[in-house]
Amino acid sequence: MYDSKLYASTWGGLELLFCTANIANNTATQNKHQFDIVVNDIQKIIITAKQYGGKTMGELVEDKYCKSIGIFDPDNNSIVFKQIIK
């Protein structure tokens, strides 16, 4: 669409569509929304993100409750992934 990449998926029953800022008429210099997503295997997320052009925002952080890391997608939008420690 409009010579841009769109990303669509269903995640946990939630339908998602990500599009470029120019299609959405978004004038923010960075993503307008920050998602924190809880995952079962944070190491797998890091590896997969890097395989598809993502990059980490700093190092993996761990406390007694969770492990967390920020990831930039290929368009430089950020998402924080967390793995709950049981």
PDB file of N, CA and C in Angstrom:
ATOM      1  N   MET A   1       0.849  -1.180   0.000  1.00  0.00           N
ATOM      2  CA  MET A   1       0.000   0.000   0.000  1.00  0.00           C
ATOM      3  C   MET A   1       0.891   1.239   0.000  1.00  0.00           C
ATOM      4  N   TYR A   2       0.703   2.133  -0.936  1.00  0.00           N
ATOM      5  CA  TYR A   2       1.467   3.380  -1.029  1.00  0.00           C
ATOM      6  C   TYR A   2       2.972   3.137  -1.023  1.00  0.00           C
ATOM      7  N   ASP A   3       3.422   2.011  -1.581  1.00  0.00           N
ATOM      8  CA  ASP A   3       4.836   1.636  -1.605  1.00  0.00           C
ATOM      9  C   ASP A   3       5.449   1.575  -0.208  1.00  0.00           C
ATOM     10  N   SER A   4       4.667   1.192   0.787  1.00  0.00           N
ATOM     11  CA  SER A   4       5.137   1.076   2.167  1.00  0.00           C
ATOM     12  C   SER A   4       4.876  -0.336   2.673  1.00  0.00           C
ATOM     13  N   LYS A   5       5.604  -0.719   3.702  1.00  0.00           N
ATOM     14  CA  LYS A   5       5.384  -2.014   4.338  1.00  0.00           C
ATOM     15  C   LYS A   5       4.316  -1.868   5.410  1.00  0.00           C
ATOM     16  N   LEU A   6       3.394  -2.808   5.437  1.00  0.00           N
ATOM     17  CA  LEU A   6       2.405  -2.918   6.503  1.00  0.00           C
ATOM     18  C   LEU A   6       2.652  -4.245   7.199  1.00  0.00           C
ATOM     19  N   TYR A   7       2.438  -4.278   8.493  1.00  0.00           N
ATOM     20  CA  TYR A   7       2.597  -5.498   9.265  1.00  0.00           C
ATOM     21  C   TYR A   7       1.263  -5.817   9.917  1.00  0.00           C
ATOM     22  N   ALA A   8       0.727  -7.011   9.641  1.00  0.00           N
ATOM     23  CA  ALA A   8      -0.555  -7.415  10.213  1.00  0.00           C
ATOM     24  C   ALA A   8      -0.391  -8.781  10.853  1.00  0.00           C
ATOM     25  N   SER A   9      -1.091  -8.977  11.963  1.00  0.00           N
ATOM     26  CA  SER A   9      -1.019 -10.250  12.667  1.00  0.00           C
ATOM     27  C   SER A   9      -2.157 -10.329  13.667  1.00  0.00           C
ATOM     28  N   THR A  10      -2.343 -11.507  14.194  1.00  0.00           N
ATOM     29  CA  THR A  10      -3.256 -11.706  15.320  1.00  0.00           C
ATOM     30  C   THR A  10      -2.405 -12.206  16.471  1.00  0.00           C
ATOM     31  N   TRP A  11      -2.526 -11.548  17.610  1.00  0.00           N
ATOM     32  CA  TRP A  11      -1.705 -11.882  18.766  1.00  0.00           C
ATOM     33  C   TRP A  11      -2.627 -12.022  19.966  1.00  0.00           C
ATOM     34  N   GLY A  12      -2.756 -13.243  20.467  1.00  0.00           N
ATOM     35  CA  GLY A  12      -3.618 -13.492  21.620  1.00  0.00           C
ATOM     36  C   GLY A  12      -5.057 -13.073  21.368  1.00  0.00           C
ATOM     37  N   GLY A  13      -5.527 -13.230  20.131  1.00  0.00           N
ATOM     38  CA  GLY A  13      -6.888 -12.860  19.784  1.00  0.00           C
ATOM     39  C   GLY A  13      -7.058 -11.392  19.414  1.00  0.00           C
ATOM     40  N   LEU A  14      -6.006 -10.605  19.541  1.00  0.00           N
ATOM     41  CA  LEU A  14      -6.052  -9.187  19.216  1.00  0.00           C
ATOM     42  C   LEU A  14      -5.491  -8.987  17.808  1.00  0.00           C
ATOM     43  N   GLU A  15      -6.289  -8.398  16.919  1.00  0.00           N
ATOM     44  CA  GLU A  15      -5.820  -8.139  15.563  1.00  0.00           C
ATOM     45  C   GLU A  15      -4.999  -6.860  15.549  1.00  0.00           C
ATOM     46  N   LEU A  16      -3.790  -6.957  14.994  1.00  0.00           N
ATOM     47  CA  LEU A  16      -2.871  -5.827  14.964  1.00  0.00           C
ATOM     48  C   LEU A  16      -2.571  -5.432  13.527  1.00  0.00           C
ATOM     49  N   LEU A  17      -2.423  -4.139  13.296  1.00  0.00           N
ATOM     50  CA  LEU A  17      -1.961  -3.615  12.013  1.00  0.00           C
ATOM     51  C   LEU A  17      -1.023  -2.457  12.307  1.00  0.00           C
ATOM     52  N   PHE A  18       0.211  -2.586  11.854  1.00  0.00           N
ATOM     53  CA  PHE A  18       1.194  -1.527  12.007  1.00  0.00           C
ATOM     54  C   PHE A  18       1.484  -0.959  10.626  1.00  0.00           C
ATOM     55  N   CYS A  19       1.454   0.343  10.524  1.00  0.00           N
ATOM     56  CA  CYS A  19       1.752   0.987   9.251  1.00  0.00           C
ATOM     57  C   CYS A  19       2.709   2.151   9.492  1.00  0.00           C
ATOM     58  N   THR A  20       3.267   2.663   8.415  1.00  0.00           N
ATOM     59  CA  THR A  20       4.212   3.763   8.541  1.00  0.00           C
ATOM     60  C   THR A  20       3.498   5.029   9.002  1.00  0.00           C
ATOM     61  N   ALA A  21       4.257   5.926   9.578  1.00  0.00           N
ATOM     62  CA  ALA A  21       3.697   7.165  10.116  1.00  0.00           C
ATOM     63  C   ALA A  21       3.038   8.018   9.035  1.00  0.00           C
ATOM     64  N   ASN A  22       3.615   8.037   7.822  1.00  0.00           N
ATOM     65  CA  ASN A  22       3.033   8.887   6.790  1.00  0.00           C
ATOM     66  C   ASN A  22       1.652   8.412   6.358  1.00  0.00           C
ATOM     67  N   ILE A  23       1.410   7.108   6.339  1.00  0.00           N
ATOM     68  CA  ILE A  23       0.074   6.599   6.008  1.00  0.00           C
ATOM     69  C   ILE A  23      -0.918   6.992   7.097  1.00  0.00           C
ATOM     70  N   ALA A  24      -0.483   6.907   8.353  1.00  0.00           N
ATOM     71  CA  ALA A  24      -1.358   7.216   9.484  1.00  0.00           C
ATOM     72  C   ALA A  24      -1.406   8.717   9.789  1.00  0.00           C
ATOM     73  N   ASN A  25      -0.684   9.521   9.025  1.00  0.00           N
ATOM     74  CA  ASN A  25      -0.580  10.965   9.281  1.00  0.00           C
ATOM     75  C   ASN A  25      -0.070  11.255  10.685  1.00  0.00           C
ATOM     76  N   ASN A  26       0.847  10.428  11.155  1.00  0.00           N
ATOM     77  CA  ASN A  26       1.458  10.578  12.470  1.00  0.00           C
ATOM     78  C   ASN A  26       2.696  11.456  12.308  1.00  0.00           C
ATOM     79  N   THR A  27       2.734  12.582  12.983  1.00  0.00           N
ATOM     80  CA  THR A  27       3.872  13.493  12.861  1.00  0.00           C
ATOM     81  C   THR A  27       4.840  13.395  14.036  1.00  0.00           C
ATOM     82  N   ALA A  28       4.642  12.439  14.921  1.00  0.00           N
ATOM     83  CA  ALA A  28       5.564  12.239  16.048  1.00  0.00           C
ATOM     84  C   ALA A  28       6.922  11.800  15.513  1.00  0.00           C
ATOM     85  N   THR A  29       8.001  12.159  16.201  1.00  0.00           N
ATOM     86  CA  THR A  29       9.333  11.769  15.759  1.00  0.00           C
ATOM     87  C   THR A  29       9.685  10.355  16.192  1.00  0.00           C
ATOM     88  N   GLN A  30       8.966   9.809  17.164  1.00  0.00           N
ATOM     89  CA  GLN A  30       9.111   8.413  17.570  1.00  0.00           C
ATOM     90  C   GLN A  30       7.710   7.846  17.734  1.00  0.00           C
ATOM     91  N   ASN A  31       7.651   6.529  17.966  1.00  0.00           N
ATOM     92  CA  ASN A  31       6.335   5.909  18.097  1.00  0.00           C
ATOM     93  C   ASN A  31       5.517   6.582  19.194  1.00  0.00           C
ATOM     94  N   LYS A  32       4.219   6.713  18.950  1.00  0.00           N
ATOM     95  CA  LYS A  32       3.336   7.391  19.894  1.00  0.00           C
ATOM     96  C   LYS A  32       2.930   6.488  21.059  1.00  0.00           C
ATOM     97  N   HIS A  33       3.023   5.190  20.870  1.00  0.00           N
ATOM     98  CA  HIS A  33       2.599   4.248  21.901  1.00  0.00           C
ATOM     99  C   HIS A  33       3.759   3.344  22.270  1.00  0.00           C
ATOM    100  N   GLN A  34       3.880   3.038  23.545  1.00  0.00           N
ATOM    101  CA  GLN A  34       4.912   2.120  24.020  1.00  0.00           C
ATOM    102  C   GLN A  34       4.221   0.890  24.569  1.00  0.00           C
ATOM    103  N   PHE A  35       4.496  -0.247  23.985  1.00  0.00           N
ATOM    104  CA  PHE A  35       3.887  -1.490  24.439  1.00  0.00           C
ATOM    105  C   PHE A  35       4.855  -2.249  25.330  1.00  0.00           C
ATOM    106  N   ASP A  36       4.356  -2.799  26.420  1.00  0.00           N
ATOM    107  CA  ASP A  36       5.091  -3.761  27.232  1.00  0.00           C
ATOM    108  C   ASP A  36       4.379  -5.095  27.027  1.00  0.00           C
ATOM    109  N   ILE A  37       5.103  -6.089  26.555  1.00  0.00           N
ATOM    110  CA  ILE A  37       4.490  -7.367  26.225  1.00  0.00           C
ATOM    111  C   ILE A  37       5.155  -8.458  27.046  1.00  0.00           C
ATOM    112  N   VAL A  38       4.355  -9.249  27.746  1.00  0.00           N
ATOM    113  CA  VAL A  38       4.855 -10.351  28.562  1.00  0.00           C
ATOM    114  C   VAL A  38       4.980 -11.593  27.678  1.00  0.00           C
ATOM    115  N   VAL A  39       6.165 -12.208  27.723  1.00  0.00           N
ATOM    116  CA  VAL A  39       6.456 -13.384  26.902  1.00  0.00           C
ATOM    117  C   VAL A  39       6.950 -14.525  27.785  1.00  0.00           C
ATOM    118  N   ASN A  40       6.929 -15.743  27.234  1.00  0.00           N
ATOM    119  CA  ASN A  40       7.396 -16.911  27.982  1.00  0.00           C
ATOM    120  C   ASN A  40       8.908 -17.112  27.896  1.00  0.00           C
ATOM    121  N   ASP A  41       9.529 -16.685  26.784  1.00  0.00           N
ATOM    122  CA  ASP A  41      10.955 -16.937  26.566  1.00  0.00           C
ATOM    123  C   ASP A  41      11.598 -15.684  25.972  1.00  0.00           C
ATOM    124  N   ILE A  42      12.118 -14.831  26.816  1.00  0.00           N
ATOM    125  CA  ILE A  42      12.659 -13.543  26.371  1.00  0.00           C
ATOM    126  C   ILE A  42      13.901 -13.717  25.493  1.00  0.00           C
ATOM    127  N   GLN A  43      14.695 -14.748  25.741  1.00  0.00           N
ATOM    128  CA  GLN A  43      15.877 -14.992  24.897  1.00  0.00           C
ATOM    129  C   GLN A  43      15.468 -15.294  23.457  1.00  0.00           C
ATOM    130  N   LYS A  44      14.403 -16.058  23.298  1.00  0.00           N
ATOM    131  CA  LYS A  44      13.902 -16.376  21.956  1.00  0.00           C
ATOM    132  C   LYS A  44      13.419 -15.105  21.257  1.00  0.00           C
ATOM    133  N   ILE A  45      12.793 -14.202  21.987  1.00  0.00           N
ATOM    134  CA  ILE A  45      12.331 -12.928  21.430  1.00  0.00           C
ATOM    135  C   ILE A  45      13.520 -12.103  20.943  1.00  0.00           C
ATOM    136  N   ILE A  46      14.565 -12.030  21.737  1.00  0.00           N
ATOM    137  CA  ILE A  46      15.753 -11.261  21.363  1.00  0.00           C
ATOM    138  C   ILE A  46      16.371 -11.815  20.079  1.00  0.00           C
ATOM    139  N   ILE A  47      16.540 -13.117  20.026  1.00  0.00           N
ATOM    140  CA  ILE A  47      17.128 -13.757  18.845  1.00  0.00           C
ATOM    141  C   ILE A  47      16.258 -13.513  17.612  1.00  0.00           C
ATOM    142  N   THR A  48      14.952 -13.707  17.744  1.00  0.00           N
ATOM    143  CA  THR A  48      14.043 -13.536  16.614  1.00  0.00           C
ATOM    144  C   THR A  48      14.016 -12.088  16.138  1.00  0.00           C
ATOM    145  N   ALA A  49      13.969 -11.152  17.067  1.00  0.00           N
ATOM    146  CA  ALA A  49      13.955  -9.735  16.695  1.00  0.00           C
ATOM    147  C   ALA A  49      15.196  -9.370  15.895  1.00  0.00           C
ATOM    148  N   LYS A  50      16.351  -9.825  16.346  1.00  0.00           N
ATOM    149  CA  LYS A  50      17.602  -9.528  15.635  1.00  0.00           C
ATOM    150  C   LYS A  50      17.637 -10.174  14.255  1.00  0.00           C
ATOM    151  N   GLN A  51      17.065 -11.372  14.126  1.00  0.00           N
ATOM    152  CA  GLN A  51      17.025 -12.054  12.830  1.00  0.00           C
ATOM    153  C   GLN A  51      16.226 -11.254  11.803  1.00  0.00           C
ATOM    154  N   TYR A  52      15.244 -10.490  12.270  1.00  0.00           N
ATOM    155  CA  TYR A  52      14.374  -9.741  11.361  1.00  0.00           C
ATOM    156  C   TYR A  52      14.683  -8.245  11.338  1.00  0.00           C
ATOM    157  N   GLY A  53      15.883  -7.870  11.742  1.00  0.00           N
ATOM    158  CA  GLY A  53      16.317  -6.485  11.616  1.00  0.00           C
ATOM    159  C   GLY A  53      16.087  -5.612  12.828  1.00  0.00           C
ATOM    160  N   GLY A  54      15.623  -6.184  13.928  1.00  0.00           N
ATOM    161  CA  GLY A  54      15.455  -5.420  15.158  1.00  0.00           C
ATOM    162  C   GLY A  54      16.771  -5.273  15.892  1.00  0.00           C
ATOM    163  N   LYS A  55      16.804  -4.398  16.878  1.00  0.00           N
ATOM    164  CA  LYS A  55      18.003  -4.252  17.702  1.00  0.00           C
ATOM    165  C   LYS A  55      17.590  -3.948  19.138  1.00  0.00           C
ATOM    166  N   THR A  56      18.428  -4.344  20.060  1.00  0.00           N
ATOM    167  CA  THR A  56      18.104  -4.165  21.472  1.00  0.00           C
ATOM    168  C   THR A  56      18.407  -2.740  21.923  1.00  0.00           C
ATOM    169  N   MET A  57      17.682  -2.311  22.939  1.00  0.00           N
ATOM    170  CA  MET A  57      17.893  -1.015  23.584  1.00  0.00           C
ATOM    171  C   MET A  57      18.604  -1.296  24.903  1.00  0.00           C
ATOM    172  N   GLY A  58      19.906  -1.357  24.873  1.00  0.00           N
ATOM    173  CA  GLY A  58      20.638  -1.664  26.091  1.00  0.00           C
ATOM    174  C   GLY A  58      20.680  -3.161  26.359  1.00  0.00           C
ATOM    175  N   GLU A  59      20.933  -3.487  27.602  1.00  0.00           N
ATOM    176  CA  GLU A  59      21.097  -4.875  28.025  1.00  0.00           C
ATOM    177  C   GLU A  59      19.823  -5.419  28.653  1.00  0.00           C
ATOM    178  N   LEU A  60      19.736  -6.728  28.737  1.00  0.00           N
ATOM    179  CA  LEU A  60      18.652  -7.399  29.439  1.00  0.00           C
ATOM    180  C   LEU A  60      18.732  -7.031  30.916  1.00  0.00           C
ATOM    181  N   VAL A  61      17.616  -6.610  31.495  1.00  0.00           N
ATOM    182  CA  VAL A  61      17.555  -6.214  32.902  1.00  0.00           C
ATOM    183  C   VAL A  61      16.775  -7.288  33.653  1.00  0.00           C
ATOM    184  N   GLU A  62      17.271  -7.672  34.820  1.00  0.00           N
ATOM    185  CA  GLU A  62      16.591  -8.695  35.611  1.00  0.00           C
ATOM    186  C   GLU A  62      16.516  -8.255  37.063  1.00  0.00           C
ATOM    187  N   ASP A  63      15.319  -8.395  37.638  1.00  0.00           N
ATOM    188  CA  ASP A  63      15.154  -8.218  39.078  1.00  0.00           C
ATOM    189  C   ASP A  63      14.441  -9.453  39.606  1.00  0.00           C
ATOM    190  N   LYS A  64      13.982  -9.420  40.840  1.00  0.00           N
ATOM    191  CA  LYS A  64      13.378 -10.631  41.407  1.00  0.00           C
ATOM    192  C   LYS A  64      12.004 -10.953  40.817  1.00  0.00           C
ATOM    193  N   TYR A  65      11.421 -10.030  40.060  1.00  0.00           N
ATOM    194  CA  TYR A  65      10.090 -10.231  39.493  1.00  0.00           C
ATOM    195  C   TYR A  65      10.084 -10.592  38.014  1.00  0.00           C
ATOM    196  N   CYS A  66      11.005  -9.988  37.245  1.00  0.00           N
ATOM    197  CA  CYS A  66      10.980 -10.231  35.802  1.00  0.00           C
ATOM    198  C   CYS A  66      12.307  -9.901  35.143  1.00  0.00           C
ATOM    199  N   LYS A  67      12.437 -10.387  33.909  1.00  0.00           N
ATOM    200  CA  LYS A  67      13.507 -10.002  33.008  1.00  0.00           C
ATOM    201  C   LYS A  67      12.852  -9.070  31.989  1.00  0.00           C
ATOM    202  N   SER A  68      13.562  -8.033  31.552  1.00  0.00           N
ATOM    203  CA  SER A  68      12.981  -7.136  30.557  1.00  0.00           C
ATOM    204  C   SER A  68      14.054  -6.559  29.647  1.00  0.00           C
ATOM    205  N   ILE A  69      13.617  -6.234  28.439  1.00  0.00           N
ATOM    206  CA  ILE A  69      14.504  -5.600  27.461  1.00  0.00           C
ATOM    207  C   ILE A  69      13.662  -4.816  26.466  1.00  0.00           C
ATOM    208  N   GLY A  70      14.195  -3.708  26.031  1.00  0.00           N
ATOM    209  CA  GLY A  70      13.557  -2.943  24.970  1.00  0.00           C
ATOM    210  C   GLY A  70      14.121  -3.371  23.629  1.00  0.00           C
ATOM    211  N   ILE A  71      13.260  -3.422  22.638  1.00  0.00           N
ATOM    212  CA  ILE A  71      13.652  -3.796  21.285  1.00  0.00           C
ATOM    213  C   ILE A  71      13.169  -2.713  20.329  1.00  0.00           C
ATOM    214  N   PHE A  72      14.036  -2.283  19.421  1.00  0.00           N
ATOM    215  CA  PHE A  72      13.631  -1.430  18.309  1.00  0.00           C
ATOM    216  C   PHE A  72      13.302  -2.327  17.129  1.00  0.00           C
ATOM    217  N   ASP A  73      12.145  -2.114  16.492  1.00  0.00           N
ATOM    218  CA  ASP A  73      11.840  -2.839  15.267  1.00  0.00           C
ATOM    219  C   ASP A  73      12.615  -2.191  14.115  1.00  0.00           C
ATOM    220  N   PRO A  74      12.555  -2.755  12.908  1.00  0.00           N
ATOM    221  CA  PRO A  74      13.330  -2.181  11.795  1.00  0.00           C
ATOM    222  C   PRO A  74      12.966  -0.730  11.464  1.00  0.00           C
ATOM    223  N   ASP A  75      11.795  -0.263  11.869  1.00  0.00           N
ATOM    224  CA  ASP A  75      11.391   1.125  11.629  1.00  0.00           C
ATOM    225  C   ASP A  75      11.702   2.027  12.823  1.00  0.00           C
ATOM    226  N   ASN A  76      12.437   1.505  13.810  1.00  0.00           N
ATOM    227  CA  ASN A  76      12.835   2.232  15.027  1.00  0.00           C
ATOM    228  C   ASN A  76      11.706   2.509  16.009  1.00  0.00           C
ATOM    229  N   ASN A  77      10.617   1.740  15.940  1.00  0.00           N
ATOM    230  CA  ASN A  77       9.599   1.790  16.977  1.00  0.00           C
ATOM    231  C   ASN A  77      10.076   0.896  18.112  1.00  0.00           C
ATOM    232  N   SER A  78       9.746   1.243  19.346  1.00  0.00           N
ATOM    233  CA  SER A  78      10.229   0.458  20.479  1.00  0.00           C
ATOM    234  C   SER A  78       9.114  -0.328  21.141  1.00  0.00           C
ATOM    235  N   ILE A  79       9.480  -1.486  21.624  1.00  0.00           N
ATOM    236  CA  ILE A  79       8.586  -2.369  22.368  1.00  0.00           C
ATOM    237  C   ILE A  79       9.401  -2.923  23.526  1.00  0.00           C
ATOM    238  N   VAL A  80       8.807  -3.006  24.707  1.00  0.00           N
ATOM    239  CA  VAL A  80       9.477  -3.608  25.855  1.00  0.00           C
ATOM    240  C   VAL A  80       8.892  -5.008  26.054  1.00  0.00           C
ATOM    241  N   PHE A  81       9.777  -5.994  26.124  1.00  0.00           N
ATOM    242  CA  PHE A  81       9.361  -7.369  26.382  1.00  0.00           C
ATOM    243  C   PHE A  81       9.746  -7.729  27.804  1.00  0.00           C
ATOM    244  N   LYS A  82       8.857  -8.439  28.477  1.00  0.00           N
ATOM    245  CA  LYS A  82       9.098  -8.878  29.853  1.00  0.00           C
ATOM    246  C   LYS A  82       8.799 -10.350  29.997  1.00  0.00           C
ATOM    247  N   GLN A  83       9.617 -11.028  30.785  1.00  0.00           N
ATOM    248  CA  GLN A  83       9.381 -12.414  31.152  1.00  0.00           C
ATOM    249  C   GLN A  83       9.262 -12.479  32.656  1.00  0.00           C
ATOM    250  N   ILE A  84       8.110 -12.895  33.140  1.00  0.00           N
ATOM    251  CA  ILE A  84       7.860 -12.992  34.578  1.00  0.00           C
ATOM    252  C   ILE A  84       8.682 -14.156  35.158  1.00  0.00           C
ATOM    253  N   ILE A  85       9.344 -13.890  36.266  1.00  0.00           N
ATOM    254  CA  ILE A  85      10.106 -14.938  36.944  1.00  0.00           C
ATOM    255  C   ILE A  85       9.174 -15.615  37.942  1.00  0.00           C
ATOM    256  N   LYS A  86       9.083 -16.915  37.812  1.00  0.00           N
ATOM    257  CA  LYS A  86       8.161 -17.685  38.666  1.00  0.00           C
ATOM    258  C   LYS A  86       8.899 -18.384  39.756  1.00  0.00           C
TER     259      LYS A  86
END
